[in-house]
PDB file of N, CA and C in Angstrom:
ATOM      1  N   MET A   1      58.839 -51.978 -39.402  1.00  0.00           N
ATOM      2  CA  MET A   1      58.674 -51.423 -38.097  1.00  0.00           C
ATOM      3  C   MET A   1      58.142 -49.964 -38.280  1.00  0.00           C
ATOM      4  N   PRO A   2      57.014 -49.617 -37.681  1.00  0.00           N
ATOM      5  CA  PRO A   2      56.624 -48.218 -37.748  1.00  0.00           C
ATOM      6  C   PRO A   2      57.499 -47.266 -36.916  1.00  0.00           C
ATOM      7  N   LEU A   3      57.582 -46.092 -37.481  1.00  0.00           N
ATOM      8  CA  LEU A   3      58.400 -45.039 -36.804  1.00  0.00           C
ATOM      9  C   LEU A   3      57.688 -44.405 -35.680  1.00  0.00           C
ATOM     10  N   LYS A   4      58.353 -44.180 -34.581  1.00  0.00           N
ATOM     11  CA  LYS A   4      57.728 -43.654 -33.331  1.00  0.00           C
ATOM     12  C   LYS A   4      57.552 -42.140 -33.616  1.00  0.00           C
ATOM     13  N   ARG A   5      56.411 -41.663 -33.306  1.00  0.00           N
ATOM     14  CA  ARG A   5      56.082 -40.291 -33.456  1.00  0.00           C
ATOM     15  C   ARG A   5      56.703 -39.484 -32.266  1.00  0.00           C
ATOM     16  N   LEU A   6      57.659 -38.639 -32.612  1.00  0.00           N
ATOM     17  CA  LEU A   6      58.371 -37.832 -31.636  1.00  0.00           C
ATOM     18  C   LEU A   6      57.417 -36.810 -30.961  1.00  0.00           C
ATOM     19  N   SER A   7      56.321 -36.465 -31.470  1.00  0.00           N
ATOM     20  CA  SER A   7      55.420 -35.465 -30.955  1.00  0.00           C
ATOM     21  C   SER A   7      54.605 -36.034 -29.828  1.00  0.00           C
ATOM     22  N   SER A   8      54.696 -37.449 -29.720  1.00  0.00           N
ATOM     23  CA  SER A   8      53.961 -38.100 -28.641  1.00  0.00           C
ATOM     24  C   SER A   8      54.844 -38.509 -27.532  1.00  0.00           C
ATOM     25  N   ALA A   9      56.255 -38.265 -27.708  1.00  0.00           N
ATOM     26  CA  ALA A   9      57.106 -38.645 -26.632  1.00  0.00           C
ATOM     27  C   ALA A   9      56.845 -37.938 -25.338  1.00  0.00           C
ATOM     28  N   PRO A  10      57.074 -38.501 -24.126  1.00  0.00           N
ATOM     29  CA  PRO A  10      56.837 -37.809 -22.922  1.00  0.00           C
ATOM     30  C   PRO A  10      57.439 -36.464 -22.701  1.00  0.00           C
ATOM     31  N   GLY A  11      58.644 -36.245 -23.229  1.00  0.00           N
ATOM     32  CA  GLY A  11      59.291 -35.017 -22.988  1.00  0.00           C
ATOM     33  C   GLY A  11      59.013 -33.921 -24.058  1.00  0.00           C
ATOM     34  N   SER A  12      57.971 -34.209 -24.921  1.00  0.00           N
ATOM     35  CA  SER A  12      57.646 -33.151 -25.923  1.00  0.00           C
ATOM     36  C   SER A  12      56.207 -32.621 -25.632  1.00  0.00           C
ATOM     37  N   ILE A  13      55.963 -31.419 -26.252  1.00  0.00           N
ATOM     38  CA  ILE A  13      54.706 -30.868 -26.006  1.00  0.00           C
ATOM     39  C   ILE A  13      53.565 -31.728 -26.488  1.00  0.00           C
ATOM     40  N   GLY A  14      53.770 -32.416 -27.565  1.00  0.00           N
ATOM     41  CA  GLY A  14      52.664 -33.444 -28.074  1.00  0.00           C
ATOM     42  C   GLY A  14      52.556 -34.556 -27.148  1.00  0.00           C
ATOM     43  N   GLY A  15      53.466 -34.902 -26.258  1.00  0.00           N
ATOM     44  CA  GLY A  15      53.307 -35.980 -25.384  1.00  0.00           C
ATOM     45  C   GLY A  15      52.528 -35.569 -23.982  1.00  0.00           C
ATOM     46  N   MET A  16      52.172 -34.275 -23.921  1.00  0.00           N
ATOM     47  CA  MET A  16      51.538 -33.811 -22.788  1.00  0.00           C
ATOM     48  C   MET A  16      49.983 -33.951 -23.030  1.00  0.00           C
ATOM     49  N   SER A  17      49.526 -35.050 -22.809  1.00  0.00           N
ATOM     50  CA  SER A  17      48.116 -35.321 -23.193  1.00  0.00           C
ATOM     51  C   SER A  17      47.189 -35.427 -21.981  1.00  0.00           C
ATOM     52  N   ARG A  18      47.607 -35.142 -20.822  1.00  0.00           N
ATOM     53  CA  ARG A  18      46.753 -35.109 -19.717  1.00  0.00           C
ATOM     54  C   ARG A  18      46.547 -33.775 -19.051  1.00  0.00           C
ATOM     55  N   GLN A  19      45.188 -33.470 -18.892  1.00  0.00           N
ATOM     56  CA  GLN A  19      44.895 -32.089 -18.344  1.00  0.00           C
ATOM     57  C   GLN A  19      44.996 -32.135 -16.857  1.00  0.00           C
ATOM     58  N   ILE A  20      45.795 -31.328 -16.209  1.00  0.00           N
ATOM     59  CA  ILE A  20      45.879 -31.141 -14.742  1.00  0.00           C
ATOM     60  C   ILE A  20      45.461 -29.947 -14.288  1.00  0.00           C
ATOM     61  N   THR A  21      45.338 -29.833 -13.082  1.00  0.00           N
ATOM     62  CA  THR A  21      45.050 -28.514 -12.299  1.00  0.00           C
ATOM     63  C   THR A  21      46.151 -28.416 -11.160  1.00  0.00           C
ATOM     64  N   LEU A  22      46.832 -27.240 -11.252  1.00  0.00           N
ATOM     65  CA  LEU A  22      47.714 -27.005 -10.106  1.00  0.00           C
ATOM     66  C   LEU A  22      46.920 -26.057  -9.133  1.00  0.00           C
ATOM     67  N   ASN A  23      46.960 -26.513  -7.811  1.00  0.00           N
ATOM     68  CA  ASN A  23      46.113 -25.931  -6.815  1.00  0.00           C
ATOM     69  C   ASN A  23      47.024 -25.247  -5.716  1.00  0.00           C
ATOM     70  N   ASN A  24      46.688 -24.059  -5.301  1.00  0.00           N
ATOM     71  CA  ASN A  24      47.277 -23.388  -4.189  1.00  0.00           C
ATOM     72  C   ASN A  24      46.593 -24.025  -2.921  1.00  0.00           C
ATOM     73  N   PRO A  25      47.437 -24.167  -1.905  1.00  0.00           N
ATOM     74  CA  PRO A  25      46.832 -24.776  -0.614  1.00  0.00           C
ATOM     75  C   PRO A  25      45.785 -23.869  -0.146  1.00  0.00           C
ATOM     76  N   GLY A  26      44.731 -24.464   0.624  1.00  0.00           N
ATOM     77  CA  GLY A  26      43.768 -23.721   1.210  1.00  0.00           C
ATOM     78  C   GLY A  26      44.283 -23.037   2.403  1.00  0.00           C
ATOM     79  N   LEU A  27      43.726 -21.858   2.701  1.00  0.00           N
ATOM     80  CA  LEU A  27      44.059 -21.071   3.826  1.00  0.00           C
ATOM     81  C   LEU A  27      43.442 -21.569   5.084  1.00  0.00           C
ATOM     82  N   ARG A  28      44.097 -21.406   6.174  1.00  0.00           N
ATOM     83  CA  ARG A  28      43.582 -21.839   7.454  1.00  0.00           C
ATOM     84  C   ARG A  28      42.578 -20.831   8.000  1.00  0.00           C
ATOM     85  N   ASN A  29      41.485 -21.306   8.461  1.00  0.00           N
ATOM     86  CA  ASN A  29      40.387 -20.570   8.959  1.00  0.00           C
ATOM     87  C   ASN A  29      40.702 -20.243  10.438  1.00  0.00           C
ATOM     88  N   PRO A  30      40.832 -18.972  10.716  1.00  0.00           N
ATOM     89  CA  PRO A  30      41.218 -18.443  12.074  1.00  0.00           C
ATOM     90  C   PRO A  30      40.195 -18.862  13.118  1.00  0.00           C
ATOM     91  N   ALA A  31      38.934 -19.117  12.648  1.00  0.00           N
ATOM     92  CA  ALA A  31      37.814 -19.333  13.662  1.00  0.00           C
ATOM     93  C   ALA A  31      38.011 -20.713  14.175  1.00  0.00           C
ATOM     94  N   ASP A  32      38.131 -21.724  13.316  1.00  0.00           N
ATOM     95  CA  ASP A  32      38.211 -23.109  13.895  1.00  0.00           C
ATOM     96  C   ASP A  32      39.514 -23.849  13.607  1.00  0.00           C
ATOM     97  N   GLY A  33      40.466 -23.200  12.882  1.00  0.00           N
ATOM     98  CA  GLY A  33      41.696 -23.713  12.660  1.00  0.00           C
ATOM     99  C   GLY A  33      41.761 -24.768  11.494  1.00  0.00           C
ATOM    100  N   GLY A  34      40.645 -25.040  10.884  1.00  0.00           N
ATOM    101  CA  GLY A  34      40.473 -25.908   9.768  1.00  0.00           C
ATOM    102  C   GLY A  34      41.068 -25.313   8.433  1.00  0.00           C
ATOM    103  N   LEU A  35      41.462 -26.214   7.443  1.00  0.00           N
ATOM    104  CA  LEU A  35      41.881 -25.642   6.247  1.00  0.00           C
ATOM    105  C   LEU A  35      40.696 -25.639   5.200  1.00  0.00           C
ATOM    106  N   ALA A  36      40.686 -24.549   4.453  1.00  0.00           N
ATOM    107  CA  ALA A  36      39.739 -24.472   3.370  1.00  0.00           C
ATOM    108  C   ALA A  36      40.166 -25.301   2.237  1.00  0.00           C
ATOM    109  N   PRO A  37      39.311 -25.667   1.360  1.00  0.00           N
ATOM    110  CA  PRO A  37      39.823 -26.493   0.094  1.00  0.00           C
ATOM    111  C   PRO A  37      40.824 -25.786  -0.622  1.00  0.00           C
ATOM    112  N   PRO A  38      41.716 -26.585  -1.404  1.00  0.00           N
ATOM    113  CA  PRO A  38      42.691 -25.906  -2.331  1.00  0.00           C
ATOM    114  C   PRO A  38      42.015 -25.032  -3.230  1.00  0.00           C
ATOM    115  N   ASN A  39      42.648 -23.981  -3.744  1.00  0.00           N
ATOM    116  CA  ASN A  39      42.199 -23.080  -4.835  1.00  0.00           C
ATOM    117  C   ASN A  39      42.870 -23.400  -6.141  1.00  0.00           C
ATOM    118  N   PRO A  40      42.075 -23.727  -7.176  1.00  0.00           N
ATOM    119  CA  PRO A  40      42.577 -23.908  -8.484  1.00  0.00           C
ATOM    120  C   PRO A  40      43.441 -22.727  -8.985  1.00  0.00           C
ATOM    121  N   ALA A  41      44.681 -22.911  -9.381  1.00  0.00           N
ATOM    122  CA  ALA A  41      45.467 -21.790  -9.853  1.00  0.00           C
ATOM    123  C   ALA A  41      45.728 -21.859 -11.252  1.00  0.00           C
ATOM    124  N   ILE A  42      46.174 -22.978 -11.808  1.00  0.00           N
ATOM    125  CA  ILE A  42      46.551 -23.061 -13.213  1.00  0.00           C
ATOM    126  C   ILE A  42      45.964 -24.466 -13.818  1.00  0.00           C
ATOM    127  N   THR A  43      45.371 -24.490 -14.924  1.00  0.00           N
ATOM    128  CA  THR A  43      45.085 -25.714 -15.650  1.00  0.00           C
ATOM    129  C   THR A  43      45.847 -25.745 -16.820  1.00  0.00           C
ATOM    130  N   THR A  44      46.580 -26.856 -17.006  1.00  0.00           N
ATOM    131  CA  THR A  44      47.490 -26.975 -18.182  1.00  0.00           C
ATOM    132  C   THR A  44      47.539 -28.454 -18.543  1.00  0.00           C
ATOM    133  N   TRP A  45      48.375 -28.658 -19.666  1.00  0.00           N
ATOM    134  CA  TRP A  45      48.484 -30.061 -20.150  1.00  0.00           C
ATOM    135  C   TRP A  45      49.827 -30.568 -19.568  1.00  0.00           C
ATOM    136  N   ALA A  46      49.844 -31.840 -19.347  1.00  0.00           N
ATOM    137  CA  ALA A  46      51.119 -32.538 -18.717  1.00  0.00           C
ATOM    138  C   ALA A  46      51.219 -33.974 -19.230  1.00  0.00           C
ATOM    139  N   SER A  47      52.502 -34.439 -18.878  1.00  0.00           N
ATOM    140  CA  SER A  47      52.725 -35.927 -18.995  1.00  0.00           C
ATOM    141  C   SER A  47      52.916 -36.329 -17.593  1.00  0.00           C
ATOM    142  N   ILE A  48      52.366 -37.477 -17.257  1.00  0.00           N
ATOM    143  CA  ILE A  48      52.363 -37.962 -15.944  1.00  0.00           C
ATOM    144  C   ILE A  48      52.984 -39.438 -16.040  1.00  0.00           C
ATOM    145  N   ARG A  49      53.998 -39.867 -15.273  1.00  0.00           N
ATOM    146  CA  ARG A  49      54.490 -41.216 -15.285  1.00  0.00           C
ATOM    147  C   ARG A  49      55.119 -41.536 -13.969  1.00  0.00           C
ATOM    148  N   GLY A  50      55.154 -42.807 -13.694  1.00  0.00           N
ATOM    149  CA  GLY A  50      55.732 -43.285 -12.474  1.00  0.00           C
ATOM    150  C   GLY A  50      57.139 -43.385 -12.637  1.00  0.00           C
ATOM    151  N   LEU A  51      57.949 -43.093 -11.568  1.00  0.00           N
ATOM    152  CA  LEU A  51      59.447 -43.032 -11.717  1.00  0.00           C
ATOM    153  C   LEU A  51      59.946 -44.512 -11.584  1.00  0.00           C
ATOM    154  N   LYS A  52      61.082 -44.786 -12.141  1.00  0.00           N
ATOM    155  CA  LYS A  52      61.642 -46.171 -12.086  1.00  0.00           C
ATOM    156  C   LYS A  52      63.075 -46.070 -12.410  1.00  0.00           C
ATOM    157  N   GLY A  53      63.864 -46.937 -11.999  1.00  0.00           N
ATOM    158  CA  GLY A  53      65.269 -47.081 -12.249  1.00  0.00           C
ATOM    159  C   GLY A  53      66.048 -45.826 -11.767  1.00  0.00           C
ATOM    160  N   ALA A  54      66.834 -45.309 -12.830  1.00  0.00           N
ATOM    161  CA  ALA A  54      67.806 -44.119 -12.542  1.00  0.00           C
ATOM    162  C   ALA A  54      67.046 -42.960 -12.160  1.00  0.00           C
ATOM    163  N   GLU A  55      65.876 -42.777 -12.738  1.00  0.00           N
ATOM    164  CA  GLU A  55      65.072 -41.568 -12.305  1.00  0.00           C
ATOM    165  C   GLU A  55      64.622 -41.690 -10.898  1.00  0.00           C
ATOM    166  N   LEU A  56      64.264 -42.911 -10.444  1.00  0.00           N
ATOM    167  CA  LEU A  56      63.800 -42.997  -9.091  1.00  0.00           C
ATOM    168  C   LEU A  56      65.028 -42.818  -8.114  1.00  0.00           C
ATOM    169  N   ASP A  57      66.195 -43.200  -8.475  1.00  0.00           N
ATOM    170  CA  ASP A  57      67.439 -42.877  -7.722  1.00  0.00           C
ATOM    171  C   ASP A  57      67.703 -41.406  -7.677  1.00  0.00           C
ATOM    172  N   LYS A  58      67.538 -40.678  -8.835  1.00  0.00           N
ATOM    173  CA  LYS A  58      67.777 -39.237  -8.794  1.00  0.00           C
ATOM    174  C   LYS A  58      66.698 -38.565  -7.847  1.00  0.00           C
ATOM    175  N   ALA A  59      65.427 -39.043  -7.994  1.00  0.00           N
ATOM    176  CA  ALA A  59      64.427 -38.413  -7.250  1.00  0.00           C
ATOM    177  C   ALA A  59      64.649 -38.651  -5.681  1.00  0.00           C
ATOM    178  N   ALA A  60      65.247 -39.810  -5.290  1.00  0.00           N
ATOM    179  CA  ALA A  60      65.501 -40.031  -3.957  1.00  0.00           C
ATOM    180  C   ALA A  60      66.533 -39.105  -3.407  1.00  0.00           C
ATOM    181  N   GLN A  61      67.398 -38.575  -4.247  1.00  0.00           N
ATOM    182  CA  GLN A  61      68.324 -37.590  -3.786  1.00  0.00           C
ATOM    183  C   GLN A  61      67.840 -36.291  -3.446  1.00  0.00           C
ATOM    184  N   VAL A  62      66.736 -35.905  -4.051  1.00  0.00           N
ATOM    185  CA  VAL A  62      66.168 -34.512  -3.858  1.00  0.00           C
ATOM    186  C   VAL A  62      64.864 -34.590  -3.048  1.00  0.00           C
ATOM    187  N   ALA A  63      64.086 -35.688  -3.232  1.00  0.00           N
ATOM    188  CA  ALA A  63      62.788 -35.819  -2.445  1.00  0.00           C
ATOM    189  C   ALA A  63      62.606 -37.253  -2.298  1.00  0.00           C
ATOM    190  N   THR A  64      62.781 -37.634  -1.014  1.00  0.00           N
ATOM    191  CA  THR A  64      62.842 -39.147  -0.645  1.00  0.00           C
ATOM    192  C   THR A  64      61.558 -39.901  -1.080  1.00  0.00           C
ATOM    193  N   ASP A  65      60.411 -39.306  -1.056  1.00  0.00           N
ATOM    194  CA  ASP A  65      59.153 -40.096  -1.306  1.00  0.00           C
ATOM    195  C   ASP A  65      58.543 -39.701  -2.616  1.00  0.00           C
ATOM    196  N   ALA A  66      59.381 -39.112  -3.528  1.00  0.00           N
ATOM    197  CA  ALA A  66      58.737 -38.856  -4.946  1.00  0.00           C
ATOM    198  C   ALA A  66      58.566 -40.047  -5.684  1.00  0.00           C
ATOM    199  N   GLU A  67      57.411 -40.273  -6.358  1.00  0.00           N
ATOM    200  CA  GLU A  67      57.192 -41.616  -7.023  1.00  0.00           C
ATOM    201  C   GLU A  67      56.590 -41.319  -8.431  1.00  0.00           C
ATOM    202  N   HIS A  68      56.252 -40.165  -8.652  1.00  0.00           N
ATOM    203  CA  HIS A  68      55.671 -39.677 -10.094  1.00  0.00           C
ATOM    204  C   HIS A  68      56.423 -38.504 -10.542  1.00  0.00           C
ATOM    205  N   LEU A  69      56.528 -38.363 -11.857  1.00  0.00           N
ATOM    206  CA  LEU A  69      57.071 -37.279 -12.552  1.00  0.00           C
ATOM    207  C   LEU A  69      55.907 -36.645 -13.452  1.00  0.00           C
ATOM    208  N   VAL A  70      55.635 -35.360 -13.048  1.00  0.00           N
ATOM    209  CA  VAL A  70      54.708 -34.588 -13.877  1.00  0.00           C
ATOM    210  C   VAL A  70      55.466 -33.621 -14.603  1.00  0.00           C
ATOM    211  N   ARG A  71      55.411 -33.605 -15.993  1.00  0.00           N
ATOM    212  CA  ARG A  71      56.117 -32.614 -16.743  1.00  0.00           C
ATOM    213  C   ARG A  71      55.099 -31.738 -17.438  1.00  0.00           C
ATOM    214  N   ILE A  72      55.314 -30.379 -17.253  1.00  0.00           N
ATOM    215  CA  ILE A  72      54.478 -29.394 -17.851  1.00  0.00           C
ATOM    216  C   ILE A  72      55.425 -28.400 -18.510  1.00  0.00           C
ATOM    217  N   ALA A  73      54.685 -27.720 -19.534  1.00  0.00           N
ATOM    218  CA  ALA A  73      55.421 -26.562 -20.174  1.00  0.00           C
ATOM    219  C   ALA A  73      55.753 -25.467 -19.131  1.00  0.00           C
ATOM    220  N   TYR A  74      56.781 -24.769 -19.209  1.00  0.00           N
ATOM    221  CA  TYR A  74      57.051 -23.795 -18.122  1.00  0.00           C
ATOM    222  C   TYR A  74      55.943 -22.879 -17.852  1.00  0.00           C
ATOM    223  N   GLN A  75      55.749 -22.717 -16.631  1.00  0.00           N
ATOM    224  CA  GLN A  75      54.650 -21.781 -16.193  1.00  0.00           C
ATOM    225  C   GLN A  75      55.310 -20.945 -15.023  1.00  0.00           C
ATOM    226  N   PRO A  76      55.314 -19.615 -15.083  1.00  0.00           N
ATOM    227  CA  PRO A  76      55.729 -18.859 -13.935  1.00  0.00           C
ATOM    228  C   PRO A  76      54.761 -19.005 -12.744  1.00  0.00           C
ATOM    229  N   GLY A  77      55.286 -19.043 -11.608  1.00  0.00           N
ATOM    230  CA  GLY A  77      54.391 -18.962 -10.422  1.00  0.00           C
ATOM    231  C   GLY A  77      54.277 -20.364  -9.846  1.00  0.00           C
ATOM    232  N   VAL A  78      54.688 -21.355 -10.512  1.00  0.00           N
ATOM    233  CA  VAL A  78      54.553 -22.779  -9.920  1.00  0.00           C
ATOM    234  C   VAL A  78      55.469 -23.029  -8.837  1.00  0.00           C
ATOM    235  N   ASN A  79      55.071 -23.437  -7.603  1.00  0.00           N
ATOM    236  CA  ASN A  79      55.837 -23.670  -6.482  1.00  0.00           C
ATOM    237  C   ASN A  79      55.545 -24.993  -5.817  1.00  0.00           C
ATOM    238  N   ALA A  80      56.370 -25.304  -4.893  1.00  0.00           N
ATOM    239  CA  ALA A  80      56.262 -26.635  -4.202  1.00  0.00           C
ATOM    240  C   ALA A  80      55.147 -26.723  -3.111  1.00  0.00           C
ATOM    241  N   ASN A  81      54.521 -25.532  -2.880  1.00  0.00           N
ATOM    242  CA  ASN A  81      53.388 -25.491  -1.935  1.00  0.00           C
ATOM    243  C   ASN A  81      52.105 -25.931  -2.656  1.00  0.00           C
ATOM    244  N   MET A  82      52.137 -26.105  -3.978  1.00  0.00           N
ATOM    245  CA  MET A  82      50.964 -26.358  -4.699  1.00  0.00           C
ATOM    246  C   MET A  82      50.873 -27.967  -4.744  1.00  0.00           C
ATOM    247  N   THR A  83      49.508 -28.365  -5.141  1.00  0.00           N
ATOM    248  CA  THR A  83      49.254 -29.789  -5.355  1.00  0.00           C
ATOM    249  C   THR A  83      48.838 -29.909  -6.793  1.00  0.00           C
ATOM    250  N   VAL A  84      48.880 -31.177  -7.355  1.00  0.00           N
ATOM    251  CA  VAL A  84      48.553 -31.329  -8.636  1.00  0.00           C
ATOM    252  C   VAL A  84      47.254 -32.256  -8.600  1.00  0.00           C
ATOM    253  N   GLY A  85      46.254 -31.864  -9.365  1.00  0.00           N
ATOM    254  CA  GLY A  85      44.939 -32.623  -9.318  1.00  0.00           C
ATOM    255  C   GLY A  85      44.848 -33.267 -10.751  1.00  0.00           C
ATOM    256  N   PHE A  86      44.506 -34.500 -10.846  1.00  0.00           N
ATOM    257  CA  PHE A  86      44.402 -35.243 -12.037  1.00  0.00           C
ATOM    258  C   PHE A  86      43.369 -36.355 -11.821  1.00  0.00           C
ATOM    259  N   GLU A  87      42.193 -36.244 -12.545  1.00  0.00           N
ATOM    260  CA  GLU A  87      41.179 -37.309 -12.591  1.00  0.00           C
ATOM    261  C   GLU A  87      40.802 -37.793 -11.173  1.00  0.00           C
ATOM    262  N   GLY A  88      40.685 -36.954 -10.208  1.00  0.00           N
ATOM    263  CA  GLY A  88      40.318 -37.355  -8.853  1.00  0.00           C
ATOM    264  C   GLY A  88      41.494 -37.733  -7.943  1.00  0.00           C
ATOM    265  N   ARG A  89      42.697 -37.701  -8.499  1.00  0.00           N
ATOM    266  CA  ARG A  89      43.823 -38.002  -7.770  1.00  0.00           C
ATOM    267  C   ARG A  89      44.559 -36.799  -7.387  1.00  0.00           C
ATOM    268  N   THR A  90      45.262 -36.725  -6.267  1.00  0.00           N
ATOM    269  CA  THR A  90      45.992 -35.674  -5.817  1.00  0.00           C
ATOM    270  C   THR A  90      47.580 -35.952  -5.592  1.00  0.00           C
ATOM    271  N   PHE A  91      48.384 -35.091  -6.116  1.00  0.00           N
ATOM    272  CA  PHE A  91      49.857 -35.352  -5.963  1.00  0.00           C
ATOM    273  C   PHE A  91      50.433 -34.100  -5.322  1.00  0.00           C
ATOM    274  N   ARG A  92      51.233 -34.394  -4.253  1.00  0.00           N
ATOM    275  CA  ARG A  92      51.959 -33.258  -3.488  1.00  0.00           C
ATOM    276  C   ARG A  92      53.305 -32.982  -4.225  1.00  0.00           C
ATOM    277  N   ILE A  93      53.608 -31.830  -4.620  1.00  0.00           N
ATOM    278  CA  ILE A  93      54.759 -31.556  -5.321  1.00  0.00           C
ATOM    279  C   ILE A  93      55.956 -31.636  -4.247  1.00  0.00           C
ATOM    280  N   LYS A  94      56.995 -32.326  -4.474  1.00  0.00           N
ATOM    281  CA  LYS A  94      58.045 -32.480  -3.565  1.00  0.00           C
ATOM    282  C   LYS A  94      59.327 -31.707  -4.060  1.00  0.00           C
ATOM    283  N   TYR A  95      59.467 -31.558  -5.258  1.00  0.00           N
ATOM    284  CA  TYR A  95      60.616 -30.842  -5.907  1.00  0.00           C
ATOM    285  C   TYR A  95      60.325 -30.442  -7.297  1.00  0.00           C
ATOM    286  N   ILE A  96      60.894 -29.264  -7.686  1.00  0.00           N
ATOM    287  CA  ILE A  96      60.615 -28.755  -8.992  1.00  0.00           C
ATOM    288  C   ILE A  96      61.920 -28.541  -9.765  1.00  0.00           C
ATOM    289  N   GLU A  97      62.083 -29.025 -10.907  1.00  0.00           N
ATOM    290  CA  GLU A  97      63.313 -28.876 -11.615  1.00  0.00           C
ATOM    291  C   GLU A  97      63.052 -28.072 -12.969  1.00  0.00           C
ATOM    292  N   ASP A  98      63.713 -27.191 -13.185  1.00  0.00           N
ATOM    293  CA  ASP A  98      63.824 -26.409 -14.481  1.00  0.00           C
ATOM    294  C   ASP A  98      65.177 -26.612 -15.130  1.00  0.00           C
ATOM    295  N   GLU A  99      65.240 -27.691 -15.816  1.00  0.00           N
ATOM    296  CA  GLU A  99      66.571 -28.142 -16.395  1.00  0.00           C
ATOM    297  C   GLU A  99      67.337 -26.919 -16.975  1.00  0.00           C
ATOM    298  N   ASP A 100      68.495 -26.675 -16.430  1.00  0.00           N
ATOM    299  CA  ASP A 100      69.417 -25.567 -16.979  1.00  0.00           C
ATOM    300  C   ASP A 100      68.755 -24.248 -16.930  1.00  0.00           C
ATOM    301  N   GLU A 101      67.614 -24.117 -16.195  1.00  0.00           N
ATOM    302  CA  GLU A 101      66.865 -22.796 -16.169  1.00  0.00           C
ATOM    303  C   GLU A 101      66.602 -22.266 -17.599  1.00  0.00           C
ATOM    304  N   MET A 102      66.239 -23.138 -18.440  1.00  0.00           N
ATOM    305  CA  MET A 102      65.970 -22.798 -19.767  1.00  0.00           C
ATOM    306  C   MET A 102      64.470 -22.330 -19.992  1.00  0.00           C
ATOM    307  N   HIS A 103      63.644 -22.588 -18.944  1.00  0.00           N
ATOM    308  CA  HIS A 103      62.154 -22.232 -19.006  1.00  0.00           C
ATOM    309  C   HIS A 103      61.525 -22.794 -20.180  1.00  0.00           C
ATOM    310  N   PHE A 104      61.757 -24.058 -20.458  1.00  0.00           N
ATOM    311  CA  PHE A 104      61.006 -24.880 -21.539  1.00  0.00           C
ATOM    312  C   PHE A 104      59.977 -25.738 -20.787  1.00  0.00           C
ATOM    313  N   PHE A 105      60.435 -26.550 -19.864  1.00  0.00           N
ATOM    314  CA  PHE A 105      59.638 -27.468 -19.159  1.00  0.00           C
ATOM    315  C   PHE A 105      59.956 -27.282 -17.706  1.00  0.00           C
ATOM    316  N   LEU A 106      58.882 -27.733 -16.830  1.00  0.00           N
ATOM    317  CA  LEU A 106      59.140 -27.892 -15.393  1.00  0.00           C
ATOM    318  C   LEU A 106      58.787 -29.369 -15.088  1.00  0.00           C
ATOM    319  N   ASP A 107      59.744 -29.945 -14.506  1.00  0.00           N
ATOM    320  CA  ASP A 107      59.585 -31.394 -13.955  1.00  0.00           C
ATOM    321  C   ASP A 107      59.138 -31.288 -12.537  1.00  0.00           C
ATOM    322  N   LEU A 108      58.007 -31.884 -12.266  1.00  0.00           N
ATOM    323  CA  LEU A 108      57.414 -31.763 -10.882  1.00  0.00           C
ATOM    324  C   LEU A 108      57.556 -33.265 -10.227  1.00  0.00           C
ATOM    325  N   TYR A 109      58.492 -33.423  -9.335  1.00  0.00           N
ATOM    326  CA  TYR A 109      58.597 -34.700  -8.740  1.00  0.00           C
ATOM    327  C   TYR A 109      57.585 -34.702  -7.596  1.00  0.00           C
ATOM    328  N   CYS A 110      56.685 -35.668  -7.627  1.00  0.00           N
ATOM    329  CA  CYS A 110      55.470 -35.742  -6.772  1.00  0.00           C
ATOM    330  C   CYS A 110      55.275 -37.033  -6.047  1.00  0.00           C
ATOM    331  N   ALA A 111      54.576 -36.893  -4.919  1.00  0.00           N
ATOM    332  CA  ALA A 111      53.994 -38.076  -4.240  1.00  0.00           C
ATOM    333  C   ALA A 111      52.524 -37.997  -4.175  1.00  0.00           C
ATOM    334  N   GLU A 112      51.874 -39.117  -4.482  1.00  0.00           N
ATOM    335  CA  GLU A 112      50.402 -39.190  -4.486  1.00  0.00           C
ATOM    336  C   GLU A 112      50.035 -39.375  -2.969  1.00  0.00           C
ATOM    337  N   PHE A 113      48.954 -38.584  -2.653  1.00  0.00           N
ATOM    338  CA  PHE A 113      48.346 -38.814  -1.370  1.00  0.00           C
ATOM    339  C   PHE A 113      46.850 -38.781  -1.416  1.00  0.00           C
ATOM    340  N   GLY A 114      46.343 -39.168  -0.311  1.00  0.00           N
ATOM    341  CA  GLY A 114      44.753 -39.136  -0.252  1.00  0.00           C
ATOM    342  C   GLY A 114      44.329 -40.563  -0.478  1.00  0.00           C
ATOM    343  N   GLN A 115      43.010 -40.683  -0.858  1.00  0.00           N
ATOM    344  CA  GLN A 115      42.259 -41.904  -0.953  1.00  0.00           C
ATOM    345  C   GLN A 115      42.927 -42.852  -1.896  1.00  0.00           C
ATOM    346  N   ASN A 116      43.452 -42.463  -3.053  1.00  0.00           N
ATOM    347  CA  ASN A 116      44.021 -43.345  -4.039  1.00  0.00           C
ATOM    348  C   ASN A 116      45.427 -43.847  -3.919  1.00  0.00           C
ATOM    349  N   ALA A 117      46.096 -43.119  -2.925  1.00  0.00           N
ATOM    350  CA  ALA A 117      47.518 -43.336  -2.870  1.00  0.00           C
ATOM    351  C   ALA A 117      47.852 -44.726  -2.081  1.00  0.00           C
ATOM    352  N   GLY A 118      49.050 -45.228  -2.409  1.00  0.00           N
ATOM    353  CA  GLY A 118      49.313 -46.500  -1.818  1.00  0.00           C
ATOM    354  C   GLY A 118      49.657 -46.313  -0.308  1.00  0.00           C
ATOM    355  N   SER A 119      50.136 -45.202   0.091  1.00  0.00           N
ATOM    356  CA  SER A 119      50.393 -44.830   1.477  1.00  0.00           C
ATOM    357  C   SER A 119      50.261 -43.424   1.591  1.00  0.00           C
ATOM    358  N   GLN A 120      49.947 -43.007   2.750  1.00  0.00           N
ATOM    359  CA  GLN A 120      49.886 -41.421   3.012  1.00  0.00           C
ATOM    360  C   GLN A 120      51.273 -40.953   3.276  1.00  0.00           C
ATOM    361  N   THR A 121      51.473 -39.767   2.764  1.00  0.00           N
ATOM    362  CA  THR A 121      52.803 -39.025   2.841  1.00  0.00           C
ATOM    363  C   THR A 121      52.553 -37.740   3.499  1.00  0.00           C
TER     364      THR A 121
END
């Protein structure tokens, strides 16, 4: 049986194989009240996976409609007002966890919205 490479595990830096963009929300235009497009703030590597089982139960306690977990290396300035862009998909950040405030990783509990989402949130 081949050994599993730890560097490709979802919780490790090597497992962060998807490039994402964290976007600040667009500002409201005072003239017509519409929103400007989001502003790209941070481009970084991440692991993205759907929540299931105990993780889904944990997410339900902090963010009722979180369905994906996006893990990134710690970045200062990441906040819940941002959205995550990945390959034409958009995820709204519902909750951010910095386990034990160690500043190694940020777990972003997200809900997908827009054209590719199963349901609008």
